[in-house]
N, C-alpha and C. Protein backbone atom coordinates (compact mmCIF):
# COMPACT_ATOMS: atom_id res chain seq x y z
N SER A 1 0.68 -1.23 0.06
CA SER A 1 0.11 -0.01 -0.29
C SER A 1 1.03 1.70 -0.36
N ASN A 2 0.18 2.25 0.01
CA ASN A 2 1.04 4.13 -0.52
C ASN A 2 1.75 3.96 1.37
N MET A 3 1.04 4.01 2.46
CA MET A 3 1.53 3.99 3.39
C MET A 3 2.85 3.32 4.12
N GLN A 4 3.31 2.15 3.34
CA GLN A 4 4.72 1.38 3.35
C GLN A 4 5.02 2.24 2.60
N LEU A 5 4.64 2.57 1.23
CA LEU A 5 6.11 3.23 0.60
C LEU A 5 6.31 4.56 1.30
N LYS A 6 6.21 5.30 1.84
CA LYS A 6 5.51 6.03 2.35
C LYS A 6 6.98 6.30 3.75
N THR A 7 6.80 5.28 4.94
CA THR A 7 8.21 4.87 5.52
C THR A 7 8.67 4.18 5.48
N SER A 8 9.25 3.52 3.97
CA SER A 8 10.04 2.89 3.52
C SER A 8 11.98 3.60 3.86
N PRO A 9 12.35 2.91 4.57
CA PRO A 9 13.56 3.56 3.41
C PRO A 9 13.96 3.89 2.40
N GLY A 10 13.86 3.09 1.68
CA GLY A 10 14.10 3.17 -0.31
C GLY A 10 13.63 4.51 -0.81
N THR A 11 13.25 5.44 0.28
CA THR A 11 12.36 6.64 -0.36
C THR A 11 12.99 8.01 0.32
N GLY A 12 12.75 8.71 -0.67
CA GLY A 12 13.61 10.33 -0.06
C GLY A 12 15.15 10.51 -0.87
N PRO A 13 15.20 11.73 -0.64
CA PRO A 13 16.57 11.89 -1.46
C PRO A 13 18.06 11.25 -0.58
N LYS A 14 18.72 11.18 -1.49
CA LYS A 14 19.78 10.40 -1.00
C LYS A 14 20.98 11.81 -0.82
N VAL A 15 22.17 12.28 -0.20
CA VAL A 15 22.50 13.25 0.31
C VAL A 15 23.92 12.83 0.21
N PHE A 16 24.81 13.17 -0.62
CA PHE A 16 26.25 12.98 -0.47
C PHE A 16 27.41 14.46 0.23
N ILE A 17 27.23 13.56 1.02
CA ILE A 17 28.70 15.06 2.11
C ILE A 17 29.91 15.07 1.66
N SER A 18 30.26 16.23 0.58
CA SER A 18 31.32 15.82 1.16
C SER A 18 32.61 17.33 1.94
N TYR A 19 33.31 16.83 2.29
CA TYR A 19 33.93 17.47 3.11
C TYR A 19 35.03 17.79 3.76
N ARG A 20 36.66 18.75 4.53
CA ARG A 20 37.62 17.77 4.26
C ARG A 20 37.28 18.08 5.69
N ARG A 21 38.72 16.69 6.59
CA ARG A 21 38.43 16.12 7.80
C ARG A 21 39.15 17.44 8.23
N GLU A 22 40.20 18.04 7.56
CA GLU A 22 40.62 18.90 8.16
C GLU A 22 40.51 20.92 8.63
N ASP A 23 39.29 20.58 7.94
CA ASP A 23 38.92 21.47 7.78
C ASP A 23 37.36 22.01 9.10
N SER A 24 36.41 20.93 8.99
CA SER A 24 34.91 20.80 9.37
C SER A 24 34.65 19.85 9.88
N PRO A 25 35.66 18.72 10.50
CA PRO A 25 35.16 17.77 10.81
C PRO A 25 33.90 17.58 12.57
N ASP A 26 33.77 18.66 13.23
CA ASP A 26 33.15 18.83 14.40
C ASP A 26 31.14 19.11 13.39
N VAL A 27 31.23 20.27 12.36
CA VAL A 27 30.15 20.81 12.03
C VAL A 27 29.19 19.89 11.41
N THR A 28 30.50 19.41 10.74
CA THR A 28 29.61 17.99 9.51
C THR A 28 29.56 16.62 10.39
N GLY A 29 30.28 16.49 11.19
CA GLY A 29 29.78 15.59 11.76
C GLY A 29 28.49 15.82 12.54
N ARG A 30 27.42 17.00 13.02
CA ARG A 30 26.55 17.88 13.42
C ARG A 30 25.68 17.60 12.44
N ILE A 31 25.46 18.18 10.92
CA ILE A 31 25.45 18.55 10.04
C ILE A 31 24.16 16.44 9.37
N TYR A 32 25.60 15.57 9.95
CA TYR A 32 25.03 14.13 9.21
C TYR A 32 24.46 13.86 10.46
N ASP A 33 24.33 13.97 11.41
CA ASP A 33 23.43 13.69 12.22
C ASP A 33 22.01 13.44 12.25
N ARG A 34 22.40 15.17 12.13
CA ARG A 34 20.47 15.75 11.34
C ARG A 34 19.75 15.19 10.47
N LEU A 35 21.07 15.16 9.51
CA LEU A 35 20.27 15.09 8.14
C LEU A 35 20.28 13.39 8.26
N SER A 36 20.90 12.77 9.13
CA SER A 36 20.47 11.12 9.18
C SER A 36 18.63 10.65 9.68
N ASP A 37 18.93 11.68 10.79
CA ASP A 37 17.52 12.02 11.68
C ASP A 37 16.30 12.01 10.68
N ASP A 38 16.37 13.01 9.92
CA ASP A 38 15.75 13.99 8.94
C ASP A 38 15.11 12.73 8.28
N LEU A 39 16.15 11.91 7.18
CA LEU A 39 16.40 11.92 5.77
C LEU A 39 16.52 9.96 5.90
N SER A 40 16.83 9.03 7.05
CA SER A 40 17.38 8.52 7.61
C SER A 40 18.87 8.11 7.20
N ALA A 41 19.57 7.09 7.85
CA ALA A 41 21.19 7.38 7.58
C ALA A 41 21.47 6.76 6.16
N ASN A 42 20.28 5.50 5.90
CA ASN A 42 20.75 4.91 4.54
C ASN A 42 21.28 5.70 3.48
N HIS A 43 20.45 7.09 3.79
CA HIS A 43 20.29 7.98 2.56
C HIS A 43 21.18 8.96 2.64
N VAL A 44 22.51 8.62 3.74
CA VAL A 44 23.37 10.19 3.86
C VAL A 44 24.75 9.38 4.26
N PHE A 45 25.72 9.74 3.12
CA PHE A 45 27.04 8.99 2.66
C PHE A 45 27.88 10.31 3.23
N ARG A 46 29.05 9.75 3.88
CA ARG A 46 30.46 10.99 3.74
C ARG A 46 31.46 9.69 3.99
N ASP A 47 33.04 10.14 3.43
CA ASP A 47 33.49 9.22 3.89
C ASP A 47 33.81 7.98 3.15
N ILE A 48 34.16 7.75 1.55
CA ILE A 48 33.89 6.63 0.91
C ILE A 48 35.09 5.57 2.16
N ASP A 49 34.44 4.38 2.78
CA ASP A 49 35.43 3.70 3.49
C ASP A 49 36.45 2.32 3.04
N SER A 50 35.32 2.32 1.83
CA SER A 50 35.20 0.62 1.54
C SER A 50 36.16 0.77 0.00
N ILE A 51 36.97 1.36 -0.17
CA ILE A 51 37.83 1.40 -1.55
C ILE A 51 38.42 0.63 -1.18
N GLY A 52 38.25 -0.90 -2.21
CA GLY A 52 39.63 -2.25 -2.13
C GLY A 52 40.60 -1.97 -2.65
N ALA A 53 41.91 -2.42 -1.59
CA ALA A 53 43.24 -2.72 -2.30
C ALA A 53 43.43 -3.05 -4.35
N GLY A 54 43.85 -2.16 -4.61
CA GLY A 54 44.10 -2.21 -6.35
C GLY A 54 43.13 -1.85 -7.11
N GLU A 55 41.93 -0.97 -6.53
CA GLU A 55 40.41 -0.62 -7.46
C GLU A 55 41.19 1.03 -7.10
N ASP A 56 40.25 1.93 -8.39
CA ASP A 56 40.82 2.62 -8.54
C ASP A 56 39.76 3.57 -8.05
N PHE A 57 39.98 4.84 -6.67
CA PHE A 57 39.66 5.52 -6.46
C PHE A 57 38.01 6.61 -7.35
N ARG A 58 39.02 6.78 -8.26
CA ARG A 58 37.95 8.02 -9.04
C ARG A 58 36.75 7.12 -9.48
N HIS A 59 36.98 5.79 -9.92
CA HIS A 59 35.65 4.80 -10.05
C HIS A 59 34.33 4.85 -9.01
N ILE A 60 35.78 4.67 -7.91
CA ILE A 60 34.33 4.47 -6.37
C ILE A 60 33.78 5.48 -6.80
N ILE A 61 34.27 7.07 -6.25
CA ILE A 61 33.68 8.03 -5.93
C ILE A 61 32.79 8.73 -7.10
N ASP A 62 33.16 8.22 -8.38
CA ASP A 62 32.21 8.61 -9.13
C ASP A 62 30.83 7.58 -8.86
N ARG A 63 30.81 6.52 -8.60
CA ARG A 63 29.96 5.58 -8.38
C ARG A 63 29.01 5.95 -7.58
N GLU A 64 29.60 6.55 -6.00
CA GLU A 64 29.12 6.91 -4.83
C GLU A 64 28.24 7.76 -5.32
N VAL A 65 29.22 9.30 -5.83
CA VAL A 65 28.47 10.42 -5.71
C VAL A 65 27.03 9.87 -7.15
N SER A 66 27.53 9.44 -8.25
CA SER A 66 26.35 8.85 -8.76
C SER A 66 24.60 8.34 -8.52
N GLN A 67 24.91 8.24 -7.23
CA GLN A 67 23.40 7.31 -6.38
C GLN A 67 22.90 8.27 -6.09
N CYS A 68 23.37 9.55 -5.60
CA CYS A 68 22.53 10.31 -4.83
C CYS A 68 21.91 11.69 -5.87
N ASN A 69 21.22 12.36 -5.08
CA ASN A 69 20.63 13.17 -5.83
C ASN A 69 21.33 14.47 -5.30
N VAL A 70 21.35 14.81 -4.19
CA VAL A 70 22.24 16.23 -4.45
C VAL A 70 23.34 15.51 -3.60
N VAL A 71 24.68 16.93 -4.03
CA VAL A 71 25.75 16.77 -3.12
C VAL A 71 26.04 18.09 -2.11
N LEU A 72 25.87 17.62 -1.04
CA LEU A 72 26.94 18.91 -0.21
C LEU A 72 28.14 19.56 -0.08
N VAL A 73 28.73 20.28 -0.12
CA VAL A 73 29.61 20.54 0.12
C VAL A 73 29.64 22.12 0.82
N ILE A 74 30.72 20.76 2.36
CA ILE A 74 30.55 21.54 3.26
C ILE A 74 32.00 22.59 3.16
N ILE A 75 31.45 23.83 2.85
CA ILE A 75 33.15 24.54 2.98
C ILE A 75 33.27 25.37 4.56
N GLY A 76 34.45 25.21 5.09
CA GLY A 76 34.92 25.93 5.89
C GLY A 76 36.01 26.77 6.05
N PRO A 77 36.86 27.47 6.99
CA PRO A 77 37.71 28.33 5.97
C PRO A 77 38.81 27.93 6.04
N ASN A 78 39.41 26.49 6.11
CA ASN A 78 40.62 26.01 5.87
C ASN A 78 40.12 24.85 4.07
N TRP A 79 38.70 25.08 3.82
CA TRP A 79 38.47 24.53 3.41
C TRP A 79 39.58 24.55 1.61
N LEU A 80 39.88 25.63 1.13
CA LEU A 80 40.08 26.61 -0.07
C LEU A 80 41.78 26.11 0.18
N ASN A 81 42.34 26.36 1.43
CA ASN A 81 43.67 26.60 1.83
C ASN A 81 44.33 25.53 2.20
N ALA A 82 43.57 24.15 2.32
CA ALA A 82 44.34 23.00 2.97
C ALA A 82 45.93 22.64 2.20
N THR A 83 46.37 22.06 2.58
CA THR A 83 47.50 22.18 1.72
C THR A 83 47.84 20.53 2.17
N GLY A 84 48.68 19.80 1.19
CA GLY A 84 48.53 18.12 1.30
C GLY A 84 50.00 18.35 1.74
N PRO A 85 50.30 16.78 1.93
CA PRO A 85 51.64 16.06 2.37
C PRO A 85 53.18 17.64 1.42
N ASP A 86 52.89 17.16 0.32
CA ASP A 86 53.61 18.28 -0.63
C ASP A 86 53.52 19.59 -0.19
N GLY A 87 53.06 20.31 0.60
CA GLY A 87 52.66 21.45 0.90
C GLY A 87 51.97 22.54 0.07
N LYS A 88 51.50 22.55 -1.09
CA LYS A 88 50.53 22.41 -2.32
C LYS A 88 49.25 22.50 -2.14
N PRO A 89 48.40 23.31 -2.20
CA PRO A 89 46.83 23.22 -2.07
C PRO A 89 46.29 21.55 -2.52
N ARG A 90 45.40 21.27 -1.52
CA ARG A 90 44.96 19.84 -2.05
C ARG A 90 44.37 20.16 -3.08
N LEU A 91 43.31 21.21 -3.90
CA LEU A 91 42.12 21.24 -4.58
C LEU A 91 43.24 21.17 -5.82
N SER A 92 44.17 21.32 -6.17
CA SER A 92 45.26 21.97 -7.03
C SER A 92 45.25 20.22 -7.82
N SER A 93 45.24 19.44 -6.84
CA SER A 93 45.75 17.92 -7.01
C SER A 93 44.22 17.25 -7.64
N GLU A 94 45.14 16.53 -8.81
CA GLU A 94 44.26 15.71 -9.53
C GLU A 94 43.40 14.02 -8.46
N MET A 95 44.46 14.01 -7.34
CA MET A 95 43.88 13.04 -6.09
C MET A 95 43.44 13.39 -4.81
N ASP A 96 43.05 14.38 -5.32
CA ASP A 96 42.26 15.27 -4.10
C ASP A 96 41.04 14.76 -4.45
N PHE A 97 40.18 13.80 -3.20
CA PHE A 97 39.27 13.05 -3.08
C PHE A 97 38.11 14.61 -2.95
N VAL A 98 37.97 15.75 -2.09
CA VAL A 98 37.16 16.80 -2.32
C VAL A 98 36.57 17.12 -4.07
N ARG A 99 37.67 17.40 -4.77
CA ARG A 99 37.70 17.67 -6.04
C ARG A 99 37.31 16.24 -6.86
N LEU A 100 37.49 15.26 -6.60
CA LEU A 100 36.95 14.23 -7.41
C LEU A 100 35.66 14.51 -6.95
N GLU A 101 34.80 14.49 -5.68
CA GLU A 101 33.60 14.27 -5.61
C GLU A 101 32.69 15.29 -6.20
N ILE A 102 33.35 16.90 -6.54
CA ILE A 102 32.77 17.97 -7.17
C ILE A 102 32.94 17.36 -7.80
N GLU A 103 33.74 17.32 -8.99
CA GLU A 103 33.64 16.91 -10.80
C GLU A 103 32.80 15.66 -10.68
N ALA A 104 32.91 15.02 -10.04
CA ALA A 104 31.98 13.86 -10.13
C ALA A 104 30.24 14.23 -10.32
N ALA A 105 29.62 15.07 -9.27
CA ALA A 105 28.56 15.71 -9.20
C ALA A 105 28.63 16.41 -10.60
N LEU A 106 29.30 17.60 -10.71
CA LEU A 106 29.57 18.44 -11.62
C LEU A 106 28.76 17.68 -13.60
N ARG A 107 29.92 16.63 -13.38
CA ARG A 107 29.67 16.21 -14.22
C ARG A 107 28.41 15.30 -15.15
N ARG A 108 27.85 14.81 -14.05
CA ARG A 108 26.26 14.19 -13.97
C ARG A 108 25.36 14.77 -13.70
N ASP A 109 25.58 16.26 -13.50
CA ASP A 109 24.56 17.46 -13.24
C ASP A 109 24.07 17.04 -12.02
N ILE A 110 24.32 16.67 -11.08
CA ILE A 110 23.79 16.47 -9.92
C ILE A 110 23.48 17.80 -9.10
N PRO A 111 22.69 17.74 -8.21
CA PRO A 111 22.46 19.96 -8.01
C PRO A 111 23.69 19.39 -6.03
N VAL A 112 24.50 20.34 -6.65
CA VAL A 112 25.63 20.75 -5.48
C VAL A 112 25.18 21.65 -5.07
N ILE A 113 25.11 22.12 -3.77
CA ILE A 113 24.98 23.05 -2.37
C ILE A 113 26.45 23.26 -1.89
N PRO A 114 27.17 24.21 -2.13
CA PRO A 114 27.79 24.95 -0.83
C PRO A 114 26.96 24.87 0.00
N VAL A 115 27.43 24.69 1.02
CA VAL A 115 27.16 24.31 2.80
C VAL A 115 28.79 25.73 3.01
N LEU A 116 28.38 27.03 3.79
CA LEU A 116 29.27 28.10 4.43
C LEU A 116 28.96 27.70 5.70
N VAL A 117 30.20 26.86 6.57
CA VAL A 117 30.52 26.72 7.67
C VAL A 117 31.25 27.80 8.66
N THR A 118 31.12 28.17 9.84
CA THR A 118 32.35 28.59 10.56
C THR A 118 32.66 29.63 10.00
N ASN A 119 31.66 30.79 9.47
CA ASN A 119 32.22 32.22 8.88
C ASN A 119 33.04 32.04 7.49
N ALA A 120 32.90 30.54 6.86
CA ALA A 120 33.30 30.87 5.79
C ALA A 120 32.68 31.90 4.74
N ARG A 121 33.97 32.20 3.58
CA ARG A 121 33.31 32.46 2.16
C ARG A 121 33.39 31.73 1.13
N MET A 122 32.31 32.09 0.20
CA MET A 122 32.41 31.35 -1.13
C MET A 122 33.73 31.85 -1.78
N PRO A 123 34.13 29.90 -2.24
CA PRO A 123 34.78 30.74 -2.99
C PRO A 123 35.10 31.34 -4.53
N THR A 124 35.28 32.20 -5.30
CA THR A 124 35.49 32.75 -6.13
C THR A 124 36.16 31.85 -7.14
N PRO A 125 35.45 31.98 -8.92
CA PRO A 125 36.06 31.01 -9.44
C PRO A 125 37.70 30.93 -10.15
N ASP A 126 37.84 32.33 -9.86
CA ASP A 126 39.43 32.18 -10.18
C ASP A 126 40.49 31.49 -9.31
N VAL A 127 39.48 31.17 -8.21
CA VAL A 127 40.68 30.28 -6.79
C VAL A 127 40.24 29.10 -7.42
N LEU A 128 39.47 28.39 -8.17
CA LEU A 128 38.87 27.23 -8.60
C LEU A 128 39.77 26.30 -9.47
N PRO A 129 40.05 25.58 -9.49
CA PRO A 129 41.04 24.67 -10.81
C PRO A 129 39.09 24.98 -11.61
N PRO A 130 40.40 24.87 -13.19
CA PRO A 130 39.13 25.19 -14.08
C PRO A 130 37.37 23.79 -14.10
N SER A 131 38.46 22.40 -13.51
CA SER A 131 37.09 21.47 -13.38
C SER A 131 36.40 21.36 -12.43
N ILE A 132 36.53 22.47 -11.86
CA ILE A 132 34.69 22.76 -10.78
C ILE A 132 34.96 23.92 -10.73
N LYS A 133 35.27 24.98 -11.18
CA LYS A 133 34.75 26.30 -11.75
C LYS A 133 33.44 26.29 -11.29
N ASP A 134 32.39 25.99 -12.16
CA ASP A 134 31.43 26.28 -11.89
C ASP A 134 30.38 25.92 -10.00
N LEU A 135 31.53 25.38 -9.29
CA LEU A 135 30.83 25.15 -7.71
C LEU A 135 30.61 27.05 -7.44
N ALA A 136 31.79 27.72 -7.95
CA ALA A 136 31.50 29.25 -7.60
C ALA A 136 30.55 29.54 -7.92
N PHE A 137 29.06 29.16 -9.10
CA PHE A 137 28.38 29.75 -9.51
C PHE A 137 26.70 28.72 -8.61
N ARG A 138 27.52 27.69 -8.32
CA ARG A 138 26.01 27.09 -7.37
C ARG A 138 25.55 28.37 -6.40
N ASN A 139 23.96 27.85 -6.23
CA ASN A 139 23.84 29.11 -5.15
C ASN A 139 23.97 28.55 -3.16
N GLY A 140 24.60 29.08 -2.83
CA GLY A 140 24.71 28.30 -1.20
C GLY A 140 23.88 28.44 -0.59
N ARG A 141 24.39 28.08 0.99
CA ARG A 141 24.11 28.21 2.02
C ARG A 141 24.24 28.49 3.16
N THR A 142 24.52 29.43 4.38
CA THR A 142 25.26 29.37 5.11
C THR A 142 24.44 28.23 6.51
N VAL A 143 25.21 28.08 7.13
CA VAL A 143 25.04 27.38 7.98
C VAL A 143 25.82 27.35 9.41
N SER A 144 24.58 28.35 10.70
CA SER A 144 25.64 29.00 11.37
C SER A 144 25.90 28.00 12.59
N PRO A 145 26.39 28.86 13.29
CA PRO A 145 26.94 27.95 15.10
C PRO A 145 24.97 28.54 15.92
N ASP A 146 25.14 27.32 16.77
CA ASP A 146 24.00 27.55 17.88
C ASP A 146 23.91 29.40 18.13
N PRO A 147 22.90 29.90 18.48
CA PRO A 147 21.80 29.09 18.49
C PRO A 147 21.26 28.89 17.09
N GLY A 148 21.65 29.89 15.48
CA GLY A 148 21.14 29.56 14.68
C GLY A 148 20.98 28.37 13.63
N PHE A 149 21.95 27.30 14.61
CA PHE A 149 22.32 25.65 13.90
C PHE A 149 20.76 25.36 13.12
N HIS A 150 20.09 24.97 14.23
CA HIS A 150 18.78 24.35 13.37
C HIS A 150 18.37 24.67 12.73
N ALA A 151 17.62 25.94 13.08
CA ALA A 151 16.95 26.86 11.78
C ALA A 151 17.38 26.93 10.31
N ASP A 152 19.02 26.78 10.33
CA ASP A 152 18.92 26.35 9.20
C ASP A 152 19.41 25.43 8.73
N LEU A 153 19.55 24.09 9.32
CA LEU A 153 19.13 22.99 8.31
C LEU A 153 18.00 22.71 8.79
N THR A 154 17.59 23.49 8.86
CA THR A 154 15.69 22.49 8.46
C THR A 154 15.09 23.28 7.41
N ARG A 155 15.77 24.60 6.87
CA ARG A 155 15.96 25.04 5.47
C ARG A 155 16.67 24.37 4.60
N LEU A 156 17.70 23.70 5.20
CA LEU A 156 19.10 22.69 4.23
C LEU A 156 18.01 21.88 3.73
N LEU A 157 17.56 21.37 4.27
CA LEU A 157 16.88 19.80 4.34
C LEU A 157 15.38 20.38 3.77
N ARG A 158 15.14 21.46 3.37
CA ARG A 158 14.02 21.71 2.55
C ARG A 158 14.61 22.11 0.98
N ASP A 159 15.71 22.38 1.26
CA ASP A 159 16.21 22.77 -0.26
C ASP A 159 16.73 20.95 -0.67
N ILE A 160 17.15 20.46 -0.19
CA ILE A 160 17.48 19.32 -0.33
C ILE A 160 16.11 18.40 -1.27
N ARG A 161 15.10 18.60 0.10
CA ARG A 161 13.95 17.67 -0.79
C ARG A 161 13.78 17.99 -1.88
N MET A 162 13.36 19.84 -2.32
CA MET A 162 13.23 20.22 -3.29
C MET A 162 14.21 20.34 -4.87
N SER A 163 15.35 19.62 -4.35
CA SER A 163 16.21 19.81 -5.37
C SER A 163 16.50 18.61 -6.17
N ARG A 164 14.87 17.46 -6.42
CA ARG A 164 14.79 16.54 -7.16
C ARG A 164 13.54 16.23 -7.66
């Protein structure tokens, strides 16, 4: 029956959360918990842990992202300038997971919502690698710290539900 369908875990949008562990782990955890409560945990994805030895992580990321209806890119103050072991910006590397996640979403025309946290600013197109420049033109949302956090998340959830 229809009643069954509404409550089944198979309905509703699937959300992929892209973030940097060194930039916004705490607030991303809170966002993940709230989305999991509202959308069910099996509809919210972050941290691709299941990349087997010998597998091409670009393909795994592409597959995971392609199964989602919307991608949230959590942008904190250190998102743009986070550096890798070589001292260069992570974003400039073709091996950067965050960049690969955004590329996969843009390539498939999946809605990408930049989510600005901890007073971060939206990156401008000129500071982004060409493959993800379009991120700068995606309309973003701000998630503020308490006391505004839950109201902002309620609005973000509404955006997510409308995005597909």
